């Protein structure tokens, strides 16, 4: 008989083991794919930059907040980390995950229940009864332990989601700071352009009044000046709007923070590729969360298969019946001990279907992880490509601006000598302002791209 029970136990354990190995395969596959993909990506990026891995091995890792070294921005970021509504929602979600974990842990512990009742029947004495019962399910198959482990993975996934929210908030704060700066630069360019056009309008009006100019010239001068005034008004509102956006991210509409003192000069933004050897994208919260989801569903699959196995429970109770309430409070109780074995025999295939759903859900989370990994790799490649493209654009625009300024100096000299008229000089000066605005936008896009690259590589704010 003992031998027969041993054989049954081994068969059941083997059934559970098969399910565990199947789900463990998704976890190991995800780990292997991650390692191979990230290593190939980093080698490719290093090769494109012409760097040997050994030349940058000692570079210290960098936080996302280290990319933009602006002390004035730190107070806004600290306020946002305390008051931003989206971040607070993620914090509450993490607390809920902790509470749910507590529920699963409680299932592994004994339960104690106490009852007290009184009864009064006709033609009989009053009777009172009290009992205390202790129940405990023996987790021989580790089903409850698997459920608790899945809850722990859910907590870790919520922590990763919270970190992702923090990282995105910090990135948006830095983007808002840069947006204020570029809008101020564009506003300054348009204001300088407007000054020139207004002076030209006055000059053309004077020429027209003495009969040296035409009405068309005067109308053209007024058109250019009025159009630029409209652009100036637009950029003034853009500056105010970007400042409001920065304050809004702090989570306080009417805060005690002073108005953002952002200069028109761009801050220095470090290139995350300078510490390439330290970047394996392991700090990306979305990858961490996707992997933890695989592990959580794997544990749930194991628990679903183990739900088809017999369960073992013990219960012990103390009970007492008396004619008065005081005597019924377990003064001379009777005790009982019960061991119980229960096994599901027929539930219409419900447990099998639940196990199949759990296994398919695990596979689904594996492919979700693959999708997240591919998106992460694509984000890095796009950001690296943008870094080089925008660098070249900056170089070409710098060359163009240098040539435009040199051309303006030449035309200005010719204008003083009477070799060209004022309209030729204005055309060259307008071209200089246009290139200056393009250069400001290209620089802004490159600095934004470095923040995006930092996020793509897994740089984040300190926990």
Protein backbone atom coordinates (compact mmCIF):
# COMPACT_ATOMS: atom_id res chain seq x y z
CA UNK A 1 0.00 0.00 0.00
CA UNK A 2 2.80 2.41 0.90
CA UNK A 3 4.55 1.61 -2.36
CA UNK A 4 1.35 2.40 -4.29
CA UNK A 5 1.00 5.76 -2.59
CA UNK A 6 4.64 6.52 -3.32
CA UNK A 7 4.12 5.81 -7.01
CA UNK A 8 1.07 8.09 -7.11
CA UNK A 9 2.99 10.84 -5.37
CA UNK A 10 5.88 10.55 -7.83
CA UNK A 11 3.48 10.72 -10.78
CA UNK A 12 1.78 13.82 -9.40
CA UNK A 13 5.13 15.45 -8.67
CA UNK A 14 6.23 14.68 -12.21
CA UNK A 15 3.07 16.33 -13.56
CA UNK A 16 3.83 19.47 -11.60
CA UNK A 17 7.47 19.35 -12.64
CA UNK A 18 6.55 19.25 -16.32
CA UNK A 19 4.47 22.38 -15.96
CA UNK A 20 7.24 24.14 -14.05
CA UNK A 21 9.89 23.25 -16.62
CA UNK A 22 7.66 24.46 -19.44
CA UNK A 23 7.19 27.86 -17.85
CA UNK A 24 10.79 28.11 -16.74
CA UNK A 25 11.67 27.79 -20.42
CA UNK A 26 10.04 31.13 -21.20
CA UNK A 27 12.03 32.81 -18.44
CA UNK A 28 15.34 31.36 -19.61
CA UNK A 29 14.53 32.15 -23.24
CA UNK A 30 13.78 35.76 -22.34
CA UNK A 31 17.06 36.03 -20.40
CA UNK A 32 19.07 34.52 -23.24
CA UNK A 33 17.41 36.68 -25.89
CA UNK A 34 17.97 39.80 -23.81
CA UNK A 35 21.66 39.08 -23.27
CA UNK A 36 22.37 38.28 -26.92
CA UNK A 37 20.35 41.17 -28.33
CA UNK A 38 21.76 43.84 -26.01
CA UNK A 39 25.34 42.64 -26.47
CA UNK A 40 25.01 42.75 -30.27
CA UNK A 41 23.41 46.18 -30.12
CA UNK A 42 26.13 47.66 -27.92
CA UNK A 43 28.87 46.12 -30.06
CA UNK A 44 27.22 47.62 -33.15
CA UNK A 45 26.93 51.06 -31.59
CA UNK A 46 30.55 50.92 -30.34
CA UNK A 47 31.75 49.86 -33.79
CA UNK A 48 29.85 52.73 -35.44
CA UNK A 49 31.50 55.16 -33.04
CA UNK A 50 34.91 53.64 -33.71
CA UNK A 51 35.47 52.70 -30.06
CA UNK A 52 36.95 49.53 -28.68
CA UNK A 53 35.08 48.24 -25.66
CA UNK A 54 38.28 48.14 -23.63
CA UNK A 55 38.79 51.89 -24.04
CA UNK A 56 35.68 52.83 -22.08
CA UNK A 57 35.43 50.10 -19.47
CA UNK A 58 36.14 52.37 -16.50
CA UNK A 59 33.58 55.05 -17.27
CA UNK A 60 31.21 55.49 -14.33
CA UNK A 61 27.52 54.93 -14.95
CA UNK A 62 25.36 58.03 -15.23
CA UNK A 63 21.91 58.91 -13.97
CA UNK A 64 19.44 60.56 -16.29
CA UNK A 65 19.42 63.65 -14.08
CA UNK A 66 23.20 63.95 -14.56
CA UNK A 67 22.79 64.59 -18.28
CA UNK A 68 21.55 68.14 -17.69
CA UNK A 69 23.52 69.88 -14.95
CA UNK A 70 21.25 72.80 -14.06
CA UNK A 71 21.05 73.41 -10.29
CA UNK A 72 17.94 75.60 -10.70
CA UNK A 73 16.10 72.65 -12.25
CA UNK A 74 16.65 70.41 -9.22
CA UNK A 75 14.16 72.24 -6.99
CA UNK A 76 11.45 71.80 -9.61
CA UNK A 77 12.30 68.13 -9.98
CA UNK A 78 12.20 67.53 -6.22
CA UNK A 79 8.81 69.25 -6.00
CA UNK A 80 7.51 67.15 -8.88
CA UNK A 81 8.65 63.91 -7.24
CA UNK A 82 6.53 64.84 -4.20
CA UNK A 83 3.42 66.25 -5.85
CA UNK A 84 3.06 65.05 -9.45
CA UNK A 85 -0.38 63.33 -9.75
CA UNK A 86 0.76 60.63 -12.18
CA UNK A 87 3.63 59.70 -9.90
CA UNK A 88 1.35 59.59 -6.88
CA UNK A 89 -0.99 57.21 -8.72
CA UNK A 90 1.93 54.87 -9.38
CA UNK A 91 2.88 55.02 -5.71
CA UNK A 92 -0.67 54.05 -4.72
CA UNK A 93 -0.59 51.19 -7.25
CA UNK A 94 2.58 49.90 -5.59
CA UNK A 95 0.92 50.03 -2.18
CA UNK A 96 -2.02 48.06 -3.56
CA UNK A 97 0.41 45.43 -4.87
CA UNK A 98 1.98 45.17 -1.41
CA UNK A 99 -1.47 44.71 0.12
CA UNK A 100 -2.32 42.00 -2.40
CA UNK A 101 0.90 40.24 -1.53
CA UNK A 102 -0.15 40.30 2.11
CA UNK A 103 -3.36 38.49 1.17
CA UNK A 104 -1.41 35.64 -0.50
CA UNK A 105 1.00 35.37 2.43
CA UNK A 106 -1.95 35.09 4.83
CA UNK A 107 -3.21 32.03 2.93
CA UNK A 108 -0.09 30.14 4.02
CA UNK A 109 -0.70 30.79 7.71
CA UNK A 110 -3.14 29.05 10.08
CA UNK A 111 -6.54 30.66 10.60
CA UNK A 112 -8.18 30.99 14.01
CA UNK A 113 -11.94 31.52 14.41
CA UNK A 114 -13.95 31.98 17.62
CA UNK A 115 -17.71 31.56 17.96
CA UNK A 116 -20.10 32.21 20.83
CA UNK A 117 -23.85 31.58 20.66
CA UNK A 118 -26.83 31.36 22.99
CA UNK A 119 -30.09 29.41 22.59
CA UNK A 120 -33.39 29.56 24.43
CA UNK A 121 -36.14 27.03 23.61
CA UNK A 122 -39.61 26.61 25.08
CA UNK A 123 -39.81 24.14 27.97
CA UNK A 124 -36.01 23.94 28.19
CA UNK A 125 -33.12 25.69 29.87
CA UNK A 126 -31.03 28.32 28.22
CA UNK A 127 -27.83 27.00 26.71
CA UNK A 128 -24.69 28.74 25.59
CA UNK A 129 -21.88 27.38 23.43
CA UNK A 130 -18.42 28.60 22.58
CA UNK A 131 -15.70 27.18 20.38
CA UNK A 132 -12.28 28.12 19.02
CA UNK A 133 -11.12 26.48 15.80
CA UNK A 134 -7.64 26.51 14.26
CA UNK A 135 -7.34 25.48 10.61
CA UNK A 136 -4.25 25.12 8.46
CA UNK A 137 -3.80 23.90 4.91
CA UNK A 138 -0.54 22.00 4.49
CA UNK A 139 1.21 23.37 1.44
CA UNK A 140 2.89 20.10 0.44
CA UNK A 141 2.86 20.92 -3.27
CA UNK A 142 3.98 24.54 -2.73
CA UNK A 143 0.83 25.80 -4.45
CA UNK A 144 0.32 28.58 -1.93
CA UNK A 145 4.01 29.37 -2.02
CA UNK A 146 3.82 29.77 -5.81
CA UNK A 147 0.86 32.12 -5.48
CA UNK A 148 2.76 34.18 -2.92
CA UNK A 149 5.85 34.22 -5.15
CA UNK A 150 3.72 35.48 -8.05
CA UNK A 151 2.46 38.29 -5.81
CA UNK A 152 6.05 39.21 -4.94
CA UNK A 153 6.83 39.45 -8.65
CA UNK A 154 3.78 41.66 -9.08
CA UNK A 155 5.17 43.96 -6.38
CA UNK A 156 8.53 44.09 -8.16
CA UNK A 157 6.74 44.84 -11.45
CA UNK A 158 4.86 47.70 -9.76
CA UNK A 159 8.17 49.01 -8.45
CA UNK A 160 9.54 48.97 -12.01
CA UNK A 161 6.44 50.82 -13.22
CA UNK A 162 6.95 53.43 -10.50
CA UNK A 163 10.58 53.84 -11.56
CA UNK A 164 9.47 54.27 -15.18
CA UNK A 165 7.08 57.02 -14.11
CA UNK A 166 9.87 58.77 -12.19
CA UNK A 167 12.24 58.51 -15.15
CA UNK A 168 9.66 59.86 -17.59
CA UNK A 169 8.80 62.71 -15.21
CA UNK A 170 12.45 63.72 -14.91
CA UNK A 171 12.87 63.54 -18.69
CA UNK A 172 9.79 65.70 -19.24
CA UNK A 173 11.09 68.27 -16.74
CA UNK A 174 14.38 68.50 -18.64
CA UNK A 175 12.55 68.70 -21.97
CA UNK A 176 10.38 71.52 -20.63
CA UNK A 177 13.50 73.39 -19.46
CA UNK A 178 15.08 73.08 -22.91
CA UNK A 179 11.80 74.12 -24.56
CA UNK A 180 11.76 77.37 -22.56
CA UNK A 181 15.35 78.01 -23.61
CA UNK A 182 14.79 77.44 -27.34
CA UNK A 183 11.61 79.54 -27.33
CA UNK A 184 13.51 82.40 -25.72
CA UNK A 185 16.21 82.11 -28.36
CA UNK A 186 13.68 82.11 -31.19
CA UNK A 187 11.90 85.07 -29.60
CA UNK A 188 15.18 86.97 -29.40
CA UNK A 189 15.90 86.26 -33.08
CA UNK A 190 12.45 87.47 -34.14
CA UNK A 191 12.72 90.59 -31.98
CA UNK A 192 16.03 91.47 -33.61
CA UNK A 193 14.49 90.80 -37.00
CA UNK A 194 11.52 93.02 -36.10
CA UNK A 195 13.83 95.87 -35.08
CA UNK A 196 15.51 95.77 -38.48
CA UNK A 197 12.20 95.58 -40.34
CA UNK A 198 10.71 98.46 -38.35
CA UNK A 199 13.75 100.60 -39.13
CA UNK A 200 13.38 99.63 -42.77
CA UNK A 201 9.69 100.57 -42.67
CA UNK A 202 10.60 104.02 -41.35
CA UNK A 203 13.26 104.41 -44.01
CA UNK A 204 10.94 103.39 -46.84
CA UNK A 205 8.26 105.76 -45.53
CA UNK A 206 10.75 108.62 -45.53
CA UNK A 207 11.83 107.78 -49.08
CA UNK A 208 8.20 107.58 -50.15
CA UNK A 209 7.40 110.94 -48.59
CA UNK A 210 10.18 112.63 -50.57
CA UNK A 211 9.18 110.85 -53.76
CA UNK A 212 12.10 108.40 -53.92
CA UNK A 213 10.07 105.22 -53.28
CA UNK A 214 6.92 103.58 -54.48
CA UNK A 215 3.73 102.65 -52.66
CA UNK A 216 4.46 98.96 -53.34
CA UNK A 217 7.77 99.22 -51.51
CA UNK A 218 6.04 100.81 -48.54
CA UNK A 219 3.33 98.13 -48.47
CA UNK A 220 5.95 95.38 -48.67
CA UNK A 221 7.87 96.90 -45.77
CA UNK A 222 4.70 97.16 -43.66
CA UNK A 223 3.74 93.59 -44.55
CA UNK A 224 7.11 92.19 -43.46
CA UNK A 225 7.07 94.17 -40.21
CA UNK A 226 3.48 93.21 -39.34
CA UNK A 227 4.10 89.55 -40.13
CA UNK A 228 7.13 89.52 -37.85
CA UNK A 229 5.14 91.23 -35.09
CA UNK A 230 2.69 88.35 -35.31
CA UNK A 231 5.55 85.86 -35.01
CA UNK A 232 6.95 87.74 -32.02
CA UNK A 233 3.56 87.57 -30.29
CA UNK A 234 3.42 83.85 -30.99
CA UNK A 235 6.88 83.21 -29.52
CA UNK A 236 6.09 85.32 -26.47
CA UNK A 237 3.10 83.09 -25.78
CA UNK A 238 5.23 80.00 -26.52
CA UNK A 239 7.68 81.07 -23.81
CA UNK A 240 4.86 81.62 -21.31
CA UNK A 241 3.20 78.34 -22.26
CA UNK A 242 6.41 76.33 -21.86
CA UNK A 243 6.98 77.95 -18.45
CA UNK A 244 3.45 76.98 -17.40
CA UNK A 245 4.09 73.43 -18.60
CA UNK A 246 7.18 73.17 -16.41
CA UNK A 247 5.25 74.38 -13.36
CA UNK A 248 2.37 72.01 -14.17
CA UNK A 249 4.73 69.01 -14.05
CA UNK A 250 5.53 69.85 -10.44
CA UNK A 251 1.94 69.03 -9.53
CA UNK A 252 1.29 72.47 -8.06
CA UNK A 253 -0.57 75.02 -10.15
CA UNK A 254 -0.14 77.90 -7.69
CA UNK A 255 3.08 76.83 -6.01
CA UNK A 256 5.56 78.65 -3.87
CA UNK A 257 8.22 78.08 -6.54
CA UNK A 258 9.46 81.21 -8.23
CA UNK A 259 9.02 81.78 -11.93
CA UNK A 260 11.50 79.60 -13.86
CA UNK A 261 14.69 81.55 -14.43
CA UNK A 262 15.74 79.87 -17.66
CA UNK A 263 18.46 81.53 -19.69
CA UNK A 264 18.31 81.73 -23.45
CA UNK A 265 21.55 79.75 -23.67
CA UNK A 266 21.22 75.99 -23.86
CA UNK A 267 22.60 74.07 -20.85
CA UNK A 268 25.29 71.48 -21.38
CA UNK A 269 23.73 68.06 -22.00
CA UNK A 270 26.10 65.09 -21.70
CA UNK A 271 26.07 62.50 -24.46
CA UNK A 272 25.01 59.16 -22.86
CA UNK A 273 27.18 57.31 -25.39
CA UNK A 274 30.24 58.58 -23.51
CA UNK A 275 29.61 55.82 -20.94
CA UNK A 276 28.61 53.20 -23.49
CA UNK A 277 30.45 50.30 -21.88
CA UNK A 278 28.35 50.66 -18.71
CA UNK A 279 25.05 50.59 -20.57
CA UNK A 280 23.42 47.19 -20.96
CA UNK A 281 19.84 48.55 -20.84
CA UNK A 282 19.27 46.55 -17.67
CA UNK A 283 18.07 49.74 -16.02
CA UNK A 284 15.11 50.09 -18.37
CA UNK A 285 12.02 49.72 -16.14
CA UNK A 286 9.82 48.53 -19.01
CA UNK A 287 12.14 45.59 -19.69
CA UNK A 288 12.29 44.79 -15.98
CA UNK A 289 8.52 44.92 -15.68
CA UNK A 290 7.97 42.74 -18.76
CA UNK A 291 10.42 40.11 -17.46
CA UNK A 292 8.88 40.13 -13.98
CA UNK A 293 5.47 39.59 -15.58
CA UNK A 294 6.81 36.40 -17.18
CA UNK A 295 8.06 35.15 -13.82
CA UNK A 296 4.78 36.03 -12.08
CA UNK A 297 2.69 34.21 -14.69
CA UNK A 298 5.04 31.22 -14.51
CA UNK A 299 4.35 30.91 -10.79
CA UNK A 300 0.62 31.23 -11.42
CA UNK A 301 0.80 28.47 -14.01
CA UNK A 302 2.51 26.18 -11.51
CA UNK A 303 -0.18 26.99 -8.95
CA UNK A 304 -2.91 26.29 -11.52
CA UNK A 305 -1.53 22.81 -12.24
CA UNK A 306 -1.07 22.09 -8.54
CA UNK A 307 -4.73 22.98 -7.95
CA UNK A 308 -5.54 19.62 -9.60
CA UNK A 309 -3.60 17.75 -6.90
CA UNK A 310 -4.98 16.59 -3.53
CA UNK A 311 -4.97 19.12 -0.72
CA UNK A 312 -4.18 18.37 2.92
CA UNK A 313 -5.53 20.32 5.87
CA UNK A 314 -5.56 20.09 9.65
CA UNK A 315 -8.06 21.60 12.05
CA UNK A 316 -8.25 21.60 15.84
CA UNK A 317 -11.06 22.96 17.96
CA UNK A 318 -12.02 23.57 21.56
CA UNK A 319 -15.76 23.68 22.34
CA UNK A 320 -17.88 24.02 25.44
CA UNK A 321 -21.64 24.07 26.18
CA UNK A 322 -23.11 25.42 29.43
CA UNK A 323 -26.24 26.96 30.91
CA UNK A 324 -24.64 30.33 31.65
CA UNK A 325 -22.41 32.51 29.50
CA UNK A 326 -19.56 32.48 31.99
CA UNK A 327 -19.50 28.72 32.22
CA UNK A 328 -19.49 28.45 28.41
CA UNK A 329 -16.20 30.35 28.09
CA UNK A 330 -14.15 27.15 27.70
CA UNK A 331 -14.05 26.35 31.41
CA UNK A 332 -14.15 22.61 30.74
CA UNK A 333 -13.83 22.37 26.94
CA UNK A 334 -13.82 19.36 24.68
CA UNK A 335 -11.13 19.19 22.06
CA UNK A 336 -11.11 17.62 18.64
CA UNK A 337 -8.49 17.18 15.93
CA UNK A 338 -9.29 16.55 12.28
CA UNK A 339 -7.00 15.76 9.38
CA UNK A 340 -8.54 16.02 5.94
CA UNK A 341 -7.49 15.05 2.43
CA UNK A 342 -9.53 16.34 -0.50
CA UNK A 343 -8.99 15.94 -4.20
CA UNK A 344 -10.93 17.33 -7.15
CA UNK A 345 -12.43 14.42 -9.07
CA UNK A 346 -14.73 16.06 -11.57
CA UNK A 347 -15.34 19.75 -12.22
CA UNK A 348 -16.20 19.64 -15.89
CA UNK A 349 -12.64 20.36 -17.00
CA UNK A 350 -12.58 23.68 -15.14
CA UNK A 351 -9.21 23.20 -13.45
CA UNK A 352 -7.59 21.91 -16.63
CA UNK A 353 -8.89 24.89 -18.57
CA UNK A 354 -7.63 27.28 -15.89
CA UNK A 355 -4.18 25.67 -16.07
CA UNK A 356 -4.21 25.98 -19.87
CA UNK A 357 -5.23 29.64 -19.64
CA UNK A 358 -2.41 30.29 -17.15
CA UNK A 359 0.14 28.61 -19.42
CA UNK A 360 -1.03 30.56 -22.47
CA UNK A 361 -0.94 33.76 -20.43
CA UNK A 362 2.69 33.02 -19.57
CA UNK A 363 3.49 32.57 -23.25
CA UNK A 364 1.64 35.78 -24.01
CA UNK A 365 3.75 37.72 -21.49
CA UNK A 366 6.87 36.21 -23.07
CA UNK A 367 5.93 37.63 -26.46
CA UNK A 368 5.02 40.92 -24.81
CA UNK A 369 8.56 40.93 -23.41
CA UNK A 370 9.95 40.25 -26.89
CA UNK A 371 7.96 43.19 -28.25
CA UNK A 372 9.24 45.46 -25.47
CA UNK A 373 12.82 44.35 -26.13
CA UNK A 374 12.55 44.99 -29.86
CA UNK A 375 11.05 48.43 -29.21
CA UNK A 376 13.89 49.20 -26.80
CA UNK A 377 16.53 48.21 -29.34
CA UNK A 378 14.80 50.27 -32.02
CA UNK A 379 14.68 53.29 -29.71
CA UNK A 380 18.42 53.06 -29.08
CA UNK A 381 19.24 52.69 -32.77
CA UNK A 382 17.00 55.61 -33.73
CA UNK A 383 18.42 57.84 -30.99
CA UNK A 384 22.01 56.97 -31.91
CA UNK A 385 21.28 57.64 -35.57
CA UNK A 386 19.64 60.95 -34.68
CA UNK A 387 22.66 61.96 -32.62
CA UNK A 388 24.94 61.63 -35.64
CA UNK A 389 22.43 63.17 -38.06
CA UNK A 390 21.77 66.19 -35.86
CA UNK A 391 25.49 66.60 -35.24
CA UNK A 392 26.05 66.85 -38.98
CA UNK A 393 23.11 69.25 -39.34
CA UNK A 394 24.62 71.46 -36.64
CA UNK A 395 27.99 71.48 -38.39
CA UNK A 396 26.45 72.41 -41.74
CA UNK A 397 24.26 75.11 -40.18
CA UNK A 398 27.24 76.52 -38.29
CA UNK A 399 29.14 76.72 -41.58
CA UNK A 400 26.11 78.30 -43.25
CA UNK A 401 25.74 80.84 -40.43
CA UNK A 402 29.42 81.75 -40.64
CA UNK A 403 29.11 82.29 -44.39
CA UNK A 404 25.87 84.27 -43.97
CA UNK A 405 27.47 86.57 -41.39
CA UNK A 406 30.48 87.06 -43.66
CA UNK A 407 28.16 87.82 -46.57
CA UNK A 408 26.22 90.31 -44.48
CA UNK A 409 29.41 92.16 -43.55
CA UNK A 410 30.32 92.31 -47.23
CA UNK A 411 26.90 93.59 -48.27
CA UNK A 412 26.90 96.12 -45.45
CA UNK A 413 30.20 97.49 -46.73
CA UNK A 414 28.86 97.62 -50.29
CA UNK A 415 25.72 99.37 -49.07
CA UNK A 416 27.79 102.08 -47.42
CA UNK A 417 29.69 102.49 -50.68
CA UNK A 418 26.40 102.72 -52.60
CA UNK A 419 26.97 99.55 -54.61
CA UNK A 420 23.82 97.77 -53.36
CA UNK A 421 20.49 99.07 -52.08
CA UNK A 422 18.86 98.54 -48.69
CA UNK A 423 16.66 95.72 -49.94
CA UNK A 424 19.66 93.57 -50.92
CA UNK A 425 21.14 94.17 -47.48
CA UNK A 426 17.85 93.23 -45.79
CA UNK A 427 17.60 90.03 -47.83
CA UNK A 428 21.03 88.89 -46.69
CA UNK A 429 20.27 89.82 -43.07
CA UNK A 430 16.95 87.96 -43.19
CA UNK A 431 18.80 84.90 -44.46
CA UNK A 432 21.18 85.17 -41.49
CA UNK A 433 18.27 85.23 -39.03
CA UNK A 434 16.63 82.25 -40.74
CA UNK A 435 19.79 80.15 -40.46
CA UNK A 436 20.27 81.22 -36.85
CA UNK A 437 16.73 80.00 -36.05
CA UNK A 438 17.37 76.70 -37.85
CA UNK A 439 20.56 76.21 -35.86
CA UNK A 440 18.74 76.87 -32.58
CA UNK A 441 16.09 74.30 -33.50
CA UNK A 442 18.68 71.72 -34.58
CA UNK A 443 20.60 72.18 -31.33
CA UNK A 444 17.36 71.87 -29.35
CA UNK A 445 16.43 68.65 -31.16
CA UNK A 446 19.88 67.19 -30.52
CA UNK A 447 19.71 67.94 -26.80
CA UNK A 448 16.21 66.45 -26.64
CA UNK A 449 17.50 63.38 -28.46
CA UNK A 450 20.22 62.91 -25.86
CA UNK A 451 17.55 62.77 -23.16
CA UNK A 452 15.63 60.23 -25.26
CA UNK A 453 18.85 58.26 -25.73
CA UNK A 454 19.44 58.26 -21.99
CA UNK A 455 15.97 56.82 -21.42
CA UNK A 456 16.48 54.27 -24.18
CA UNK A 457 19.75 53.09 -22.64
CA UNK A 458 18.10 52.66 -19.25
CA UNK A 459 19.38 55.73 -17.41
CA UNK A 460 16.96 56.87 -14.75
CA UNK A 461 16.65 58.94 -11.61
CA UNK A 462 18.11 57.64 -8.39
CA UNK A 463 15.74 55.53 -6.34
